[in-house]
């Protein structure tokens, strides 16, 4: 009976440890994804601003 109880305790402990590591891994993956999305958003915003400025310059001579 003692051996069975120790085995169950070890199994529960191992399961909790695996769950904790999985949780930390998922948090790290989410942080990486968030960083990539923010970087892509900044690059897109910069491209939109460049295109807007280029369109404004192109339209300026036509307005004269």
N, C-alpha and C. Protein backbone atom coordinates (compact mmCIF):
# COMPACT_ATOMS: atom_id res chain seq x y z
N UNK A 1 0.82 -1.19 0.00
CA UNK A 1 0.00 0.00 0.00
C UNK A 1 0.87 1.26 0.00
N UNK A 2 1.94 1.24 0.77
CA UNK A 2 2.86 2.39 0.84
C UNK A 2 3.47 2.66 -0.53
N UNK A 3 3.87 1.61 -1.23
CA UNK A 3 4.49 1.76 -2.55
C UNK A 3 3.50 2.36 -3.54
N UNK A 4 2.28 1.92 -3.50
CA UNK A 4 1.25 2.45 -4.41
C UNK A 4 1.02 3.93 -4.14
N UNK A 5 0.97 4.30 -2.87
CA UNK A 5 0.76 5.70 -2.51
C UNK A 5 1.93 6.56 -3.01
N UNK A 6 3.17 6.08 -2.84
CA UNK A 6 4.34 6.81 -3.31
C UNK A 6 4.33 6.96 -4.83
N UNK A 7 3.91 5.90 -5.51
CA UNK A 7 3.83 5.97 -6.97
C UNK A 7 2.80 7.00 -7.43
N UNK A 8 1.66 7.04 -6.75
CA UNK A 8 0.63 8.02 -7.09
C UNK A 8 1.15 9.43 -6.81
N UNK A 9 1.82 9.63 -5.69
CA UNK A 9 2.37 10.94 -5.36
C UNK A 9 3.39 11.39 -6.40
N UNK A 10 4.24 10.45 -6.83
CA UNK A 10 5.22 10.79 -7.87
C UNK A 10 4.53 11.13 -9.19
N UNK A 11 3.51 10.37 -9.52
CA UNK A 11 2.79 10.62 -10.77
C UNK A 11 2.11 11.99 -10.74
N UNK A 12 1.50 12.32 -9.62
CA UNK A 12 0.84 13.62 -9.49
C UNK A 12 1.87 14.73 -9.57
N UNK A 13 2.98 14.57 -8.89
CA UNK A 13 4.04 15.57 -8.91
C UNK A 13 4.58 15.77 -10.32
N UNK A 14 4.80 14.69 -11.01
CA UNK A 14 5.31 14.76 -12.39
C UNK A 14 4.29 15.45 -13.29
N UNK A 15 3.03 15.13 -13.12
CA UNK A 15 1.97 15.76 -13.91
C UNK A 15 1.91 17.25 -13.67
N UNK A 16 2.02 17.65 -12.41
CA UNK A 16 1.99 19.08 -12.09
C UNK A 16 3.20 19.80 -12.68
N UNK A 17 4.35 19.15 -12.62
CA UNK A 17 5.57 19.75 -13.18
C UNK A 17 5.44 19.90 -14.69
N UNK A 18 4.92 18.88 -15.35
CA UNK A 18 4.74 18.95 -16.80
C UNK A 18 3.74 20.05 -17.16
N UNK A 19 2.67 20.15 -16.39
CA UNK A 19 1.68 21.20 -16.64
C UNK A 19 2.31 22.58 -16.48
N UNK A 20 3.12 22.75 -15.44
CA UNK A 20 3.78 24.04 -15.21
C UNK A 20 4.71 24.42 -16.34
N UNK A 21 5.45 23.44 -16.82
CA UNK A 21 6.36 23.72 -17.94
C UNK A 21 5.60 24.03 -19.21
N UNK A 22 4.52 23.32 -19.43
CA UNK A 22 3.70 23.58 -20.62
C UNK A 22 3.12 24.99 -20.55
N UNK A 23 2.66 25.38 -19.38
CA UNK A 23 2.11 26.72 -19.20
C UNK A 23 3.17 27.78 -19.49
N UNK A 24 4.37 27.60 -18.96
CA UNK A 24 5.45 28.57 -19.20
C UNK A 24 5.82 28.62 -20.68
N UNK A 25 5.84 27.46 -21.33
CA UNK A 25 6.15 27.41 -22.76
C UNK A 25 5.11 28.17 -23.57
N UNK A 26 3.83 27.94 -23.24
CA UNK A 26 2.76 28.63 -23.95
C UNK A 26 2.83 30.14 -23.73
N UNK A 27 3.18 30.56 -22.54
CA UNK A 27 3.33 32.00 -22.26
C UNK A 27 4.47 32.59 -23.08
N UNK A 28 5.57 31.86 -23.20
CA UNK A 28 6.71 32.34 -23.99
C UNK A 28 6.34 32.43 -25.47
N UNK A 29 5.62 31.45 -25.97
CA UNK A 29 5.18 31.46 -27.37
C UNK A 29 4.25 32.65 -27.62
N UNK A 30 3.34 32.89 -26.69
CA UNK A 30 2.41 34.01 -26.83
C UNK A 30 3.17 35.34 -26.84
N UNK A 31 4.18 35.46 -26.00
CA UNK A 31 4.98 36.69 -25.95
C UNK A 31 5.73 36.90 -27.26
N UNK A 32 6.28 35.84 -27.82
CA UNK A 32 6.96 35.94 -29.12
C UNK A 32 5.98 36.36 -30.22
N UNK A 33 4.81 35.76 -30.22
CA UNK A 33 3.81 36.10 -31.24
C UNK A 33 3.40 37.56 -31.10
N UNK A 34 3.19 38.01 -29.86
CA UNK A 34 2.82 39.40 -29.63
C UNK A 34 3.90 40.34 -30.15
N UNK A 35 5.14 40.01 -29.90
CA UNK A 35 6.25 40.83 -30.36
C UNK A 35 6.28 40.90 -31.88
N UNK A 36 6.05 39.77 -32.53
CA UNK A 36 6.06 39.75 -33.99
C UNK A 36 4.91 40.56 -34.57
N UNK A 37 3.75 40.48 -33.95
CA UNK A 37 2.59 41.25 -34.43
C UNK A 37 2.87 42.74 -34.27
N UNK A 38 3.44 43.13 -33.13
CA UNK A 38 3.75 44.55 -32.91
C UNK A 38 4.76 45.05 -33.92
N UNK A 39 5.78 44.26 -34.22
CA UNK A 39 6.79 44.64 -35.21
C UNK A 39 6.16 44.79 -36.59
N UNK A 40 5.31 43.85 -36.96
CA UNK A 40 4.63 43.92 -38.26
C UNK A 40 3.72 45.13 -38.33
N UNK A 41 3.04 45.44 -37.24
CA UNK A 41 2.14 46.60 -37.23
C UNK A 41 2.93 47.90 -37.40
N UNK A 42 4.08 48.00 -36.75
CA UNK A 42 4.91 49.20 -36.88
C UNK A 42 5.41 49.34 -38.32
N UNK A 43 5.85 48.23 -38.91
CA UNK A 43 6.34 48.28 -40.29
C UNK A 43 5.21 48.68 -41.25
N UNK A 44 4.03 48.14 -41.02
CA UNK A 44 2.89 48.48 -41.87
C UNK A 44 2.53 49.95 -41.72
N UNK A 45 2.54 50.46 -40.50
CA UNK A 45 2.24 51.87 -40.27
C UNK A 45 3.25 52.76 -40.98
N UNK A 46 4.52 52.38 -40.92
CA UNK A 46 5.56 53.16 -41.59
C UNK A 46 5.33 53.16 -43.10
N UNK A 47 4.96 52.00 -43.65
CA UNK A 47 4.70 51.92 -45.10
C UNK A 47 3.48 52.74 -45.49
N UNK A 48 2.46 52.74 -44.66
CA UNK A 48 1.26 53.55 -44.95
C UNK A 48 1.62 55.03 -44.93
N UNK A 49 2.43 55.45 -43.96
CA UNK A 49 2.83 56.85 -43.90
C UNK A 49 3.65 57.25 -45.12
N UNK A 50 4.55 56.37 -45.56
CA UNK A 50 5.35 56.67 -46.77
C UNK A 50 4.46 56.78 -47.99
N UNK A 51 3.52 55.85 -48.12
CA UNK A 51 2.62 55.87 -49.27
C UNK A 51 1.74 57.12 -49.25
N UNK A 52 1.29 57.53 -48.08
CA UNK A 52 0.47 58.72 -47.95
C UNK A 52 1.25 59.96 -48.36
N UNK A 53 2.50 60.04 -47.91
CA UNK A 53 3.33 61.18 -48.28
C UNK A 53 3.61 61.20 -49.79
N UNK A 54 3.86 60.03 -50.35
CA UNK A 54 4.12 59.96 -51.79
C UNK A 54 2.88 60.35 -52.58
N UNK A 55 1.73 59.92 -52.13
CA UNK A 55 0.47 60.30 -52.81
C UNK A 55 0.22 61.79 -52.71
N UNK A 56 0.51 62.36 -51.54
CA UNK A 56 0.31 63.79 -51.36
C UNK A 56 1.25 64.58 -52.28
N UNK A 57 2.50 64.13 -52.40
CA UNK A 57 3.44 64.82 -53.30
C UNK A 57 3.00 64.70 -54.75
N UNK A 58 2.50 63.51 -55.12
CA UNK A 58 2.05 63.30 -56.49
C UNK A 58 0.82 64.13 -56.79
N UNK A 59 -0.02 64.33 -55.81
CA UNK A 59 -1.25 65.09 -56.03
C UNK A 59 -1.00 66.59 -56.02
N UNK A 60 0.05 67.04 -55.36
CA UNK A 60 0.32 68.47 -55.23
C UNK A 60 0.49 69.17 -56.58
N UNK A 61 1.31 68.65 -57.52
CA UNK A 61 1.42 69.32 -58.82
C UNK A 61 0.12 69.31 -59.61
N UNK A 62 -0.69 68.30 -59.43
CA UNK A 62 -1.95 68.23 -60.15
C UNK A 62 -2.93 69.28 -59.65
N UNK A 63 -2.79 69.70 -58.42
CA UNK A 63 -3.70 70.70 -57.85
C UNK A 63 -3.39 72.09 -58.36
N UNK A 64 -2.22 72.32 -58.89
CA UNK A 64 -1.83 73.66 -59.38
C UNK A 64 -2.38 74.00 -60.69
